[in-house]
Amino acid sequence: MTAQRLPVILLWHMHQPQYLDALSGQYTLPWTYLHAIKDYTDMAAHLEGNAEARCVVNFTPLLIEQLEEIGGRIAAHLESGSELPDPILALLGPRGSSCCGAACGRSASR
């Protein structure tokens, strides 16, 4: 008996709720950029590592909008020092905890 191959196609559907607070302009949760810097790039690396892999990757319009908006705001921060769009992301910046000051129990100056 000859073993037959079973063709499999993976479908990765990427979606993200809207985490941007319309009033403050800040993201309420960090998942969009955290997934972007880890999970989405890891998935692309796995596909690049296997030339015979077949996959459909679907990004929802809202997720694409958030990734573009966060990317633009990070670029603006790097160019001009403008505010980062997320308090947790801001902790990674050069000013560290100055984004939240006393609200997180730390001094704004280091």
PDB file of N, CA and C in Angstrom:
ATOM      1  N   MET A   1       0.829  -1.176   0.000  1.00  0.00           N
ATOM      2  CA  MET A   1       0.000   0.000   0.000  1.00  0.00           C
ATOM      3  C   MET A   1       0.883   1.252   0.000  1.00  0.00           C
ATOM      4  N   THR A   2       0.608   2.134  -0.921  1.00  0.00           N
ATOM      5  CA  THR A   2       1.367   3.366  -1.045  1.00  0.00           C
ATOM      6  C   THR A   2       0.714   4.460  -0.199  1.00  0.00           C
ATOM      7  N   ALA A   3       1.515   5.108   0.593  1.00  0.00           N
ATOM      8  CA  ALA A   3       0.987   6.201   1.424  1.00  0.00           C
ATOM      9  C   ALA A   3       0.680   7.406   0.542  1.00  0.00           C
ATOM     10  N   GLN A   4      -0.498   7.925   0.674  1.00  0.00           N
ATOM     11  CA  GLN A   4      -0.872   9.106  -0.098  1.00  0.00           C
ATOM     12  C   GLN A   4      -0.687  10.348   0.768  1.00  0.00           C
ATOM     13  N   ARG A   5      -0.276  11.384   0.115  1.00  0.00           N
ATOM     14  CA  ARG A   5      -0.135  12.665   0.815  1.00  0.00           C
ATOM     15  C   ARG A   5      -1.490  13.331   0.918  1.00  0.00           C
ATOM     16  N   LEU A   6      -1.706  13.925   2.031  1.00  0.00           N
ATOM     17  CA  LEU A   6      -2.931  14.677   2.246  1.00  0.00           C
ATOM     18  C   LEU A   6      -2.583  16.157   2.122  1.00  0.00           C
ATOM     19  N   PRO A   7      -3.069  16.824   1.073  1.00  0.00           N
ATOM     20  CA  PRO A   7      -2.746  18.242   0.926  1.00  0.00           C
ATOM     21  C   PRO A   7      -3.432  19.058   2.022  1.00  0.00           C
ATOM     22  N   VAL A   8      -2.665  19.896   2.663  1.00  0.00           N
ATOM     23  CA  VAL A   8      -3.181  20.741   3.743  1.00  0.00           C
ATOM     24  C   VAL A   8      -2.788  22.179   3.451  1.00  0.00           C
ATOM     25  N   ILE A   9      -3.740  23.057   3.582  1.00  0.00           N
ATOM     26  CA  ILE A   9      -3.461  24.484   3.456  1.00  0.00           C
ATOM     27  C   ILE A   9      -3.822  25.131   4.780  1.00  0.00           C
ATOM     28  N   LEU A  10      -2.896  25.858   5.345  1.00  0.00           N
ATOM     29  CA  LEU A  10      -3.155  26.581   6.585  1.00  0.00           C
ATOM     30  C   LEU A  10      -3.810  27.916   6.274  1.00  0.00           C
ATOM     31  N   LEU A  11      -4.746  28.312   7.106  1.00  0.00           N
ATOM     32  CA  LEU A  11      -5.357  29.631   7.000  1.00  0.00           C
ATOM     33  C   LEU A  11      -5.126  30.340   8.323  1.00  0.00           C
ATOM     34  N   TRP A  12      -4.322  31.376   8.285  1.00  0.00           N
ATOM     35  CA  TRP A  12      -4.098  32.207   9.458  1.00  0.00           C
ATOM     36  C   TRP A  12      -4.933  33.460   9.289  1.00  0.00           C
ATOM     37  N   HIS A  13      -5.907  33.602  10.139  1.00  0.00           N
ATOM     38  CA  HIS A  13      -6.784  34.780  10.099  1.00  0.00           C
ATOM     39  C   HIS A  13      -6.374  35.700  11.240  1.00  0.00           C
ATOM     40  N   MET A  14      -5.797  36.832  10.885  1.00  0.00           N
ATOM     41  CA  MET A  14      -5.307  37.786  11.880  1.00  0.00           C
ATOM     42  C   MET A  14      -6.341  38.880  12.088  1.00  0.00           C
ATOM     43  N   HIS A  15      -6.780  39.016  13.309  1.00  0.00           N
ATOM     44  CA  HIS A  15      -7.737  40.059  13.643  1.00  0.00           C
ATOM     45  C   HIS A  15      -7.377  40.624  15.003  1.00  0.00           C
ATOM     46  N   GLN A  16      -7.867  41.769  15.285  1.00  0.00           N
ATOM     47  CA  GLN A  16      -7.583  42.426  16.557  1.00  0.00           C
ATOM     48  C   GLN A  16      -8.734  43.367  16.848  1.00  0.00           C
ATOM     49  N   PRO A  17      -9.242  43.359  18.070  1.00  0.00           N
ATOM     50  CA  PRO A  17     -10.246  44.369  18.413  1.00  0.00           C
ATOM     51  C   PRO A  17      -9.633  45.765  18.363  1.00  0.00           C
ATOM     52  N   GLN A  18     -10.463  46.764  18.326  1.00  0.00           N
ATOM     53  CA  GLN A  18      -9.966  48.141  18.348  1.00  0.00           C
ATOM     54  C   GLN A  18      -9.569  48.486  19.777  1.00  0.00           C
ATOM     55  N   TYR A  19      -8.291  48.651  19.997  1.00  0.00           N
ATOM     56  CA  TYR A  19      -7.790  48.995  21.323  1.00  0.00           C
ATOM     57  C   TYR A  19      -7.504  50.481  21.476  1.00  0.00           C
ATOM     58  N   LEU A  20      -7.665  51.250  20.422  1.00  0.00           N
ATOM     59  CA  LEU A  20      -7.391  52.679  20.482  1.00  0.00           C
ATOM     60  C   LEU A  20      -8.563  53.395  21.145  1.00  0.00           C
ATOM     61  N   ASP A  21      -8.277  54.122  22.219  1.00  0.00           N
ATOM     62  CA  ASP A  21      -9.290  54.926  22.886  1.00  0.00           C
ATOM     63  C   ASP A  21      -9.456  56.209  22.079  1.00  0.00           C
ATOM     64  N   ALA A  22     -10.643  56.419  21.542  1.00  0.00           N
ATOM     65  CA  ALA A  22     -10.891  57.570  20.660  1.00  0.00           C
ATOM     66  C   ALA A  22     -10.734  58.899  21.385  1.00  0.00           C
ATOM     67  N   LEU A  23     -10.979  58.937  22.678  1.00  0.00           N
ATOM     68  CA  LEU A  23     -10.873  60.204  23.421  1.00  0.00           C
ATOM     69  C   LEU A  23      -9.436  60.559  23.773  1.00  0.00           C
ATOM     70  N   SER A  24      -8.664  59.574  24.221  1.00  0.00           N
ATOM     71  CA  SER A  24      -7.292  59.867  24.662  1.00  0.00           C
ATOM     72  C   SER A  24      -6.259  59.706  23.557  1.00  0.00           C
ATOM     73  N   GLY A  25      -6.588  58.929  22.503  1.00  0.00           N
ATOM     74  CA  GLY A  25      -5.600  58.653  21.462  1.00  0.00           C
ATOM     75  C   GLY A  25      -4.566  57.626  21.884  1.00  0.00           C
ATOM     76  N   GLN A  26      -4.766  57.007  23.035  1.00  0.00           N
ATOM     77  CA  GLN A  26      -3.849  55.994  23.555  1.00  0.00           C
ATOM     78  C   GLN A  26      -4.471  54.613  23.367  1.00  0.00           C
ATOM     79  N   TYR A  27      -3.624  53.623  23.216  1.00  0.00           N
ATOM     80  CA  TYR A  27      -4.095  52.255  23.141  1.00  0.00           C
ATOM     81  C   TYR A  27      -4.327  51.743  24.557  1.00  0.00           C
ATOM     82  N   THR A  28      -5.475  51.114  24.791  1.00  0.00           N
ATOM     83  CA  THR A  28      -5.818  50.645  26.124  1.00  0.00           C
ATOM     84  C   THR A  28      -5.133  49.331  26.476  1.00  0.00           C
ATOM     85  N   LEU A  29      -4.778  48.549  25.482  1.00  0.00           N
ATOM     86  CA  LEU A  29      -4.056  47.300  25.691  1.00  0.00           C
ATOM     87  C   LEU A  29      -2.962  47.185  24.630  1.00  0.00           C
ATOM     88  N   PRO A  30      -1.865  46.507  24.954  1.00  0.00           N
ATOM     89  CA  PRO A  30      -0.702  46.496  24.055  1.00  0.00           C
ATOM     90  C   PRO A  30      -0.673  45.377  23.032  1.00  0.00           C
ATOM     91  N   TRP A  31      -1.733  44.620  22.862  1.00  0.00           N
ATOM     92  CA  TRP A  31      -1.640  43.385  22.083  1.00  0.00           C
ATOM     93  C   TRP A  31      -1.318  43.599  20.619  1.00  0.00           C
ATOM     94  N   THR A  32      -1.789  44.647  20.005  1.00  0.00           N
ATOM     95  CA  THR A  32      -1.556  44.817  18.572  1.00  0.00           C
ATOM     96  C   THR A  32      -0.069  44.874  18.257  1.00  0.00           C
ATOM     97  N   TYR A  33       0.673  45.760  18.917  1.00  0.00           N
ATOM     98  CA  TYR A  33       2.094  45.857  18.585  1.00  0.00           C
ATOM     99  C   TYR A  33       2.892  44.692  19.153  1.00  0.00           C
ATOM    100  N   LEU A  34       2.466  44.108  20.280  1.00  0.00           N
ATOM    101  CA  LEU A  34       3.190  42.949  20.806  1.00  0.00           C
ATOM    102  C   LEU A  34       3.098  41.765  19.845  1.00  0.00           C
ATOM    103  N   HIS A  35       1.906  41.527  19.300  1.00  0.00           N
ATOM    104  CA  HIS A  35       1.771  40.457  18.310  1.00  0.00           C
ATOM    105  C   HIS A  35       2.569  40.797  17.049  1.00  0.00           C
ATOM    106  N   ALA A  36       2.585  42.062  16.673  1.00  0.00           N
ATOM    107  CA  ALA A  36       3.302  42.465  15.454  1.00  0.00           C
ATOM    108  C   ALA A  36       4.798  42.207  15.575  1.00  0.00           C
ATOM    109  N   ILE A  37       5.381  42.522  16.734  1.00  0.00           N
ATOM    110  CA  ILE A  37       6.831  42.365  16.861  1.00  0.00           C
ATOM    111  C   ILE A  37       7.253  40.934  17.145  1.00  0.00           C
ATOM    112  N   LYS A  38       6.315  40.087  17.537  1.00  0.00           N
ATOM    113  CA  LYS A  38       6.679  38.708  17.814  1.00  0.00           C
ATOM    114  C   LYS A  38       5.942  37.736  16.899  1.00  0.00           C
ATOM    115  N   ASP A  39       4.665  37.581  17.106  1.00  0.00           N
ATOM    116  CA  ASP A  39       3.925  36.497  16.455  1.00  0.00           C
ATOM    117  C   ASP A  39       3.864  36.622  14.936  1.00  0.00           C
ATOM    118  N   TYR A  40       3.564  37.799  14.426  1.00  0.00           N
ATOM    119  CA  TYR A  40       3.410  37.934  12.975  1.00  0.00           C
ATOM    120  C   TYR A  40       4.740  37.718  12.262  1.00  0.00           C
ATOM    121  N   THR A  41       5.808  38.227  12.819  1.00  0.00           N
ATOM    122  CA  THR A  41       7.117  38.026  12.193  1.00  0.00           C
ATOM    123  C   THR A  41       7.583  36.577  12.336  1.00  0.00           C
ATOM    124  N   ASP A  42       7.266  35.934  13.469  1.00  0.00           N
ATOM    125  CA  ASP A  42       7.601  34.521  13.638  1.00  0.00           C
ATOM    126  C   ASP A  42       6.896  33.660  12.594  1.00  0.00           C
ATOM    127  N   MET A  43       5.624  33.956  12.354  1.00  0.00           N
ATOM    128  CA  MET A  43       4.867  33.183  11.385  1.00  0.00           C
ATOM    129  C   MET A  43       5.462  33.333   9.992  1.00  0.00           C
ATOM    130  N   ALA A  44       5.856  34.519   9.626  1.00  0.00           N
ATOM    131  CA  ALA A  44       6.486  34.736   8.320  1.00  0.00           C
ATOM    132  C   ALA A  44       7.804  33.968   8.229  1.00  0.00           C
ATOM    133  N   ALA A  45       8.557  33.951   9.314  1.00  0.00           N
ATOM    134  CA  ALA A  45       9.833  33.220   9.314  1.00  0.00           C
ATOM    135  C   ALA A  45       9.601  31.720   9.135  1.00  0.00           C
ATOM    136  N   HIS A  46       8.563  31.193   9.755  1.00  0.00           N
ATOM    137  CA  HIS A  46       8.253  29.762   9.584  1.00  0.00           C
ATOM    138  C   HIS A  46       7.919  29.452   8.126  1.00  0.00           C
ATOM    139  N   LEU A  47       7.162  30.332   7.496  1.00  0.00           N
ATOM    140  CA  LEU A  47       6.817  30.114   6.085  1.00  0.00           C
ATOM    141  C   LEU A  47       8.044  30.233   5.192  1.00  0.00           C
ATOM    142  N   GLU A  48       8.899  31.207   5.480  1.00  0.00           N
ATOM    143  CA  GLU A  48      10.120  31.352   4.690  1.00  0.00           C
ATOM    144  C   GLU A  48      11.033  30.150   4.861  1.00  0.00           C
ATOM    145  N   GLY A  49      10.996  29.528   6.028  1.00  0.00           N
ATOM    146  CA  GLY A  49      11.859  28.389   6.318  1.00  0.00           C
ATOM    147  C   GLY A  49      11.434  27.096   5.644  1.00  0.00           C
ATOM    148  N   ASN A  50      10.226  27.065   5.108  1.00  0.00           N
ATOM    149  CA  ASN A  50       9.741  25.873   4.431  1.00  0.00           C
ATOM    150  C   ASN A  50       9.154  26.280   3.085  1.00  0.00           C
ATOM    151  N   ALA A  51       9.961  26.149   2.056  1.00  0.00           N
ATOM    152  CA  ALA A  51       9.566  26.608   0.724  1.00  0.00           C
ATOM    153  C   ALA A  51       8.342  25.880   0.177  1.00  0.00           C
ATOM    154  N   GLU A  52       8.056  24.681   0.664  1.00  0.00           N
ATOM    155  CA  GLU A  52       6.908  23.924   0.170  1.00  0.00           C
ATOM    156  C   GLU A  52       5.629  24.191   0.963  1.00  0.00           C
ATOM    157  N   ALA A  53       5.712  24.976   1.992  1.00  0.00           N
ATOM    158  CA  ALA A  53       4.527  25.275   2.811  1.00  0.00           C
ATOM    159  C   ALA A  53       3.540  26.108   2.006  1.00  0.00           C
ATOM    160  N   ARG A  54       2.282  25.830   2.210  1.00  0.00           N
ATOM    161  CA  ARG A  54       1.215  26.591   1.565  1.00  0.00           C
ATOM    162  C   ARG A  54       0.340  27.174   2.655  1.00  0.00           C
ATOM    163  N   CYS A  55       0.081  28.457   2.551  1.00  0.00           N
ATOM    164  CA  CYS A  55      -0.652  29.125   3.604  1.00  0.00           C
ATOM    165  C   CYS A  55      -1.366  30.342   3.051  1.00  0.00           C
ATOM    166  N   VAL A  56      -2.513  30.609   3.606  1.00  0.00           N
ATOM    167  CA  VAL A  56      -3.247  31.839   3.319  1.00  0.00           C
ATOM    168  C   VAL A  56      -3.217  32.652   4.602  1.00  0.00           C
ATOM    169  N   VAL A  57      -2.752  33.877   4.525  1.00  0.00           N
ATOM    170  CA  VAL A  57      -2.727  34.760   5.688  1.00  0.00           C
ATOM    171  C   VAL A  57      -3.669  35.919   5.402  1.00  0.00           C
ATOM    172  N   ASN A  58      -4.630  36.084   6.275  1.00  0.00           N
ATOM    173  CA  ASN A  58      -5.637  37.121   6.114  1.00  0.00           C
ATOM    174  C   ASN A  58      -5.509  38.125   7.259  1.00  0.00           C
ATOM    175  N   PHE A  59      -5.291  39.385   6.933  1.00  0.00           N
ATOM    176  CA  PHE A  59      -5.267  40.461   7.925  1.00  0.00           C
ATOM    177  C   PHE A  59      -6.532  41.287   7.754  1.00  0.00           C
ATOM    178  N   THR A  60      -7.276  41.467   8.831  1.00  0.00           N
ATOM    179  CA  THR A  60      -8.491  42.273   8.749  1.00  0.00           C
ATOM    180  C   THR A  60      -8.125  43.741   8.543  1.00  0.00           C
ATOM    181  N   PRO A  61      -9.011  44.508   7.909  1.00  0.00           N
ATOM    182  CA  PRO A  61      -8.728  45.933   7.688  1.00  0.00           C
ATOM    183  C   PRO A  61      -8.441  46.698   8.985  1.00  0.00           C
ATOM    184  N   LEU A  62      -9.162  46.402  10.055  1.00  0.00           N
ATOM    185  CA  LEU A  62      -8.930  47.109  11.316  1.00  0.00           C
ATOM    186  C   LEU A  62      -7.539  46.827  11.864  1.00  0.00           C
ATOM    187  N   LEU A  63      -7.080  45.588  11.748  1.00  0.00           N
ATOM    188  CA  LEU A  63      -5.738  45.255  12.211  1.00  0.00           C
ATOM    189  C   LEU A  63      -4.693  45.992  11.379  1.00  0.00           C
ATOM    190  N   ILE A  64      -4.868  46.018  10.065  1.00  0.00           N
ATOM    191  CA  ILE A  64      -3.918  46.735   9.207  1.00  0.00           C
ATOM    192  C   ILE A  64      -3.885  48.222   9.573  1.00  0.00           C
ATOM    193  N   GLU A  65      -5.054  48.812   9.805  1.00  0.00           N
ATOM    194  CA  GLU A  65      -5.105  50.225  10.205  1.00  0.00           C
ATOM    195  C   GLU A  65      -4.344  50.453  11.506  1.00  0.00           C
ATOM    196  N   GLN A  66      -4.530  49.571  12.485  1.00  0.00           N
ATOM    197  CA  GLN A  66      -3.841  49.740  13.762  1.00  0.00           C
ATOM    198  C   GLN A  66      -2.332  49.586  13.614  1.00  0.00           C
ATOM    199  N   LEU A  67      -1.899  48.593  12.830  1.00  0.00           N
ATOM    200  CA  LEU A  67      -0.465  48.397  12.629  1.00  0.00           C
ATOM    201  C   LEU A  67       0.166  49.601  11.940  1.00  0.00           C
ATOM    202  N   GLU A  68      -0.521  50.138  10.913  1.00  0.00           N
ATOM    203  CA  GLU A  68      -0.001  51.318  10.217  1.00  0.00           C
ATOM    204  C   GLU A  68       0.030  52.535  11.146  1.00  0.00           C
ATOM    205  N   GLU A  69      -1.018  52.706  11.947  1.00  0.00           N
ATOM    206  CA  GLU A  69      -1.082  53.855  12.848  1.00  0.00           C
ATOM    207  C   GLU A  69      -0.005  53.763  13.926  1.00  0.00           C
ATOM    208  N   ILE A  70       0.167  52.593  14.521  1.00  0.00           N
ATOM    209  CA  ILE A  70       1.202  52.415  15.539  1.00  0.00           C
ATOM    210  C   ILE A  70       2.581  52.604  14.916  1.00  0.00           C
ATOM    211  N   GLY A  71       2.796  52.037  13.729  1.00  0.00           N
ATOM    212  CA  GLY A  71       4.081  52.201  13.050  1.00  0.00           C
ATOM    213  C   GLY A  71       4.393  53.659  12.769  1.00  0.00           C
ATOM    214  N   GLY A  72       3.391  54.416  12.338  1.00  0.00           N
ATOM    215  CA  GLY A  72       3.586  55.842  12.083  1.00  0.00           C
ATOM    216  C   GLY A  72       3.903  56.617  13.343  1.00  0.00           C
ATOM    217  N   ARG A  73       3.234  56.280  14.433  1.00  0.00           N
ATOM    218  CA  ARG A  73       3.482  56.989  15.689  1.00  0.00           C
ATOM    219  C   ARG A  73       4.836  56.624  16.290  1.00  0.00           C
ATOM    220  N   ILE A  74       5.273  55.388  16.098  1.00  0.00           N
ATOM    221  CA  ILE A  74       6.616  55.013  16.561  1.00  0.00           C
ATOM    222  C   ILE A  74       7.667  55.739  15.724  1.00  0.00           C
ATOM    223  N   ALA A  75       7.448  55.817  14.412  1.00  0.00           N
ATOM    224  CA  ALA A  75       8.388  56.551  13.550  1.00  0.00           C
ATOM    225  C   ALA A  75       8.452  58.017  13.953  1.00  0.00           C
ATOM    226  N   ALA A  76       7.301  58.623  14.238  1.00  0.00           N
ATOM    227  CA  ALA A  76       7.280  60.025  14.673  1.00  0.00           C
ATOM    228  C   ALA A  76       8.005  60.190  16.007  1.00  0.00           C
ATOM    229  N   HIS A  77       7.858  59.225  16.886  1.00  0.00           N
ATOM    230  CA  HIS A  77       8.564  59.273  18.174  1.00  0.00           C
ATOM    231  C   HIS A  77      10.074  59.225  17.961  1.00  0.00           C
ATOM    232  N   LEU A  78      10.516  58.351  17.066  1.00  0.00           N
ATOM    233  CA  LEU A  78      11.946  58.230  16.815  1.00  0.00           C
ATOM    234  C   LEU A  78      12.508  59.467  16.125  1.00  0.00           C
ATOM    235  N   GLU A  79      11.704  60.105  15.280  1.00  0.00           N
ATOM    236  CA  GLU A  79      12.166  61.297  14.563  1.00  0.00           C
ATOM    237  C   GLU A  79      12.113  62.556  15.404  1.00  0.00           C
ATOM    238  N   SER A  80      11.029  62.732  16.172  1.00  0.00           N
ATOM    239  CA  SER A  80      10.841  64.012  16.855  1.00  0.00           C
ATOM    240  C   SER A  80      10.575  63.904  18.345  1.00  0.00           C
ATOM    241  N   GLY A  81      10.522  62.688  18.870  1.00  0.00           N
ATOM    242  CA  GLY A  81      10.276  62.521  20.298  1.00  0.00           C
ATOM    243  C   GLY A  81       8.818  62.660  20.689  1.00  0.00           C
ATOM    244  N   SER A  82       7.915  62.598  19.724  1.00  0.00           N
ATOM    245  CA  SER A  82       6.492  62.720  20.052  1.00  0.00           C
ATOM    246  C   SER A  82       6.054  61.544  20.925  1.00  0.00           C
ATOM    247  N   GLU A  83       4.909  61.700  21.557  1.00  0.00           N
ATOM    248  CA  GLU A  83       4.402  60.717  22.505  1.00  0.00           C
ATOM    249  C   GLU A  83       4.122  59.371  21.826  1.00  0.00           C
ATOM    250  N   LEU A  84       4.474  58.302  22.525  1.00  0.00           N
ATOM    251  CA  LEU A  84       4.158  56.963  22.033  1.00  0.00           C
ATOM    252  C   LEU A  84       2.699  56.645  22.317  1.00  0.00           C
ATOM    253  N   PRO A  85       2.071  55.778  21.502  1.00  0.00           N
ATOM    254  CA  PRO A  85       0.631  55.573  21.596  1.00  0.00           C
ATOM    255  C   PRO A  85       0.166  54.634  22.700  1.00  0.00           C
ATOM    256  N   ASP A  86       1.073  54.138  23.519  1.00  0.00           N
ATOM    257  CA  ASP A  86       0.689  53.146  24.518  1.00  0.00           C
ATOM    258  C   ASP A  86       1.592  53.300  25.746  1.00  0.00           C
ATOM    259  N   PRO A  87       1.028  53.325  26.949  1.00  0.00           N
ATOM    260  CA  PRO A  87       1.854  53.498  28.156  1.00  0.00           C
ATOM    261  C   PRO A  87       2.894  52.398  28.335  1.00  0.00           C
ATOM    262  N   ILE A  88       2.563  51.156  28.000  1.00  0.00           N
ATOM    263  CA  ILE A  88       3.534  50.071  28.160  1.00  0.00           C
ATOM    264  C   ILE A  88       4.650  50.206  27.138  1.00  0.00           C
ATOM    265  N   LEU A  89       4.316  50.555  25.911  1.00  0.00           N
ATOM    266  CA  LEU A  89       5.329  50.791  24.892  1.00  0.00           C
ATOM    267  C   LEU A  89       6.224  51.956  25.302  1.00  0.00           C
ATOM    268  N   ALA A  90       5.640  52.977  25.902  1.00  0.00           N
ATOM    269  CA  ALA A  90       6.417  54.141  26.341  1.00  0.00           C
ATOM    270  C   ALA A  90       7.437  53.770  27.412  1.00  0.00           C
ATOM    271  N   LEU A  91       7.153  52.743  28.205  1.00  0.00           N
ATOM    272  CA  LEU A  91       8.113  52.298  29.220  1.00  0.00           C
ATOM    273  C   LEU A  91       9.409  51.814  28.587  1.00  0.00           C
ATOM    274  N   LEU A  92       9.342  51.370  27.330  1.00  0.00           N
ATOM    275  CA  LEU A  92      10.535  50.890  26.645  1.00  0.00           C
ATOM    276  C   LEU A  92      11.352  52.023  26.049  1.00  0.00           C
ATOM    277  N   GLY A  93      10.768  53.220  25.998  1.00  0.00           N
ATOM    278  CA  GLY A  93      11.445  54.364  25.417  1.00  0.00           C
ATOM    279  C   GLY A  93      12.503  54.937  26.344  1.00  0.00           C
ATOM    280  N   PRO A  94      13.237  55.936  25.874  1.00  0.00           N
ATOM    281  CA  PRO A  94      14.342  56.503  26.649  1.00  0.00           C
ATOM    282  C   PRO A  94      13.904  57.181  27.938  1.00  0.00           C
ATOM    283  N   ARG A  95      12.651  57.653  28.001  1.00  0.00           N
ATOM    284  CA  ARG A  95      12.193  58.320  29.220  1.00  0.00           C
ATOM    285  C   ARG A  95      11.562  57.359  30.211  1.00  0.00           C
ATOM    286  N   GLY A  96      11.445  56.110  29.825  1.00  0.00           N
ATOM    287  CA  GLY A  96      10.946  55.080  30.727  1.00  0.00           C
ATOM    288  C   GLY A  96       9.611  55.403  31.343  1.00  0.00           C
ATOM    289  N   SER A  97       9.554  55.445  32.649  1.00  0.00           N
ATOM    290  CA  SER A  97       8.280  55.576  33.358  1.00  0.00           C
ATOM    291  C   SER A  97       7.725  56.987  33.368  1.00  0.00           C
ATOM    292  N   SER A  98       8.323  57.925  32.669  1.00  0.00           N
ATOM    293  CA  SER A  98       7.803  59.289  32.687  1.00  0.00           C
ATOM    294  C   SER A  98       6.418  59.390  32.067  1.00  0.00           C
ATOM    295  N   CYS A  99       6.002  58.345  31.352  1.00  0.00           N
ATOM    296  CA  CYS A  99       4.685  58.390  30.721  1.00  0.00           C
ATOM    297  C   CYS A  99       3.571  58.315  31.747  1.00  0.00           C
ATOM    298  N   CYS A 100       3.831  57.707  32.878  1.00  0.00           N
ATOM    299  CA  CYS A 100       2.754  57.527  33.838  1.00  0.00           C
ATOM    300  C   CYS A 100       3.035  58.161  35.177  1.00  0.00           C
ATOM    301  N   GLY A 101       4.276  58.534  35.453  1.00  0.00           N
ATOM    302  CA  GLY A 101       4.621  59.222  36.686  1.00  0.00           C
ATOM    303  C   GLY A 101       4.099  58.546  37.925  1.00  0.00           C
ATOM    304  N   ALA A 102       3.419  59.291  38.774  1.00  0.00           N
ATOM    305  CA  ALA A 102       2.924  58.777  40.046  1.00  0.00           C
ATOM    306  C   ALA A 102       1.842  57.721  39.872  1.00  0.00           C
ATOM    307  N   ALA A 103       1.189  57.680  38.708  1.00  0.00           N
ATOM    308  CA  ALA A 103       0.097  56.734  38.507  1.00  0.00           C
ATOM    309  C   ALA A 103       0.560  55.290  38.633  1.00  0.00           C
ATOM    310  N   CYS A 104       1.802  55.013  38.323  1.00  0.00           N
ATOM    311  CA  CYS A 104       2.281  53.636  38.446  1.00  0.00           C
ATOM    312  C   CYS A 104       3.142  53.449  39.682  1.00  0.00           C
ATOM    313  N   GLY A 105       3.210  54.470  40.536  1.00  0.00           N
ATOM    314  CA  GLY A 105       3.938  54.337  41.792  1.00  0.00           C
ATOM    315  C   GLY A 105       5.416  54.610  41.684  1.00  0.00           C
ATOM    316  N   ARG A 106       5.884  55.105  40.546  1.00  0.00           N
ATOM    317  CA  ARG A 106       7.303  55.409  40.378  1.00  0.00           C
ATOM    318  C   ARG A 106       7.488  56.891  40.121  1.00  0.00           C
ATOM    319  N   SER A 107       8.627  57.364  40.414  1.00  0.00           N
ATOM    320  CA  SER A 107       8.953  58.752  40.137  1.00  0.00           C
ATOM    321  C   SER A 107       9.138  58.936  38.648  1.00  0.00           C
ATOM    322  N   ALA A 108       8.701  60.085  38.140  1.00  0.00           N
ATOM    323  CA  ALA A 108       8.825  60.361  36.708  1.00  0.00           C
ATOM    324  C   ALA A 108      10.274  60.605  36.312  1.00  0.00           C
ATOM    325  N   SER A 109      11.115  61.024  37.229  1.00  0.00           N
ATOM    326  CA  SER A 109      12.523  61.253  36.889  1.00  0.00           C
ATOM    327  C   SER A 109      13.354  60.088  37.387  1.00  0.00           C
ATOM    328  N   ARG A 110      14.431  59.829  36.682  1.00  0.00           N
ATOM    329  CA  ARG A 110      15.313  58.712  37.070  1.00  0.00           C
ATOM    330  C   ARG A 110      16.672  59.241  37.383  1.00  0.00           C
TER     331      ARG A 110
END
